[in-house]
């Protein structure tokens, strides 16, 4: 039994040591722009936001809870079809989570990797651990809904849609951008 606990402790410590996630500070660059944040994608690459949004049109699904993943999956089908026809359209998913200690961040990232199998989806899914209340206040958001943001290369938020990929929301997105 002692060997088992040593093995589990070793696995946990190794997982933490290899996890590049950090708690991110929030700072605003300009009014109307996406705030500056740091996160990691599910392939363990560090990402700086909004600098990551390097396409002319970046569609960003912002989620706060794991149960919102089903809404992202619905949007992903729509947005993947759009981005295949339009190379200047990028798609990212942000999981905005409350700041955590290293072990909790490591475990959460591992759980998310288990939930998201597809490499393309893992590359576009970024976890951000930050002061979530401050983020919600700055962005005028609630944590009980998914937000789809259309962000320009300069970080400016150009469109905001709340909720799932229903007919009305998909129409709003496609009509504004002529997709």
Foldseek 3Di string as FASTA:
>chain_A
DVVVVVVVVVVLVVLLVLAPADAWEWDDDDPQFQTWTWWAFLVRHIDIPPQVLQAQKEKEKEAADPVCVVQVVQVCVLQVVVCVVPVSYHYAYEHEYAADDSSVVSVVSVVVCVVDPDPVNRRRYIYHHYHVVVSCVSVVHDNPWMKIFIAGNVRGTDDIDIHHPDPVRSCVVCVVVVD
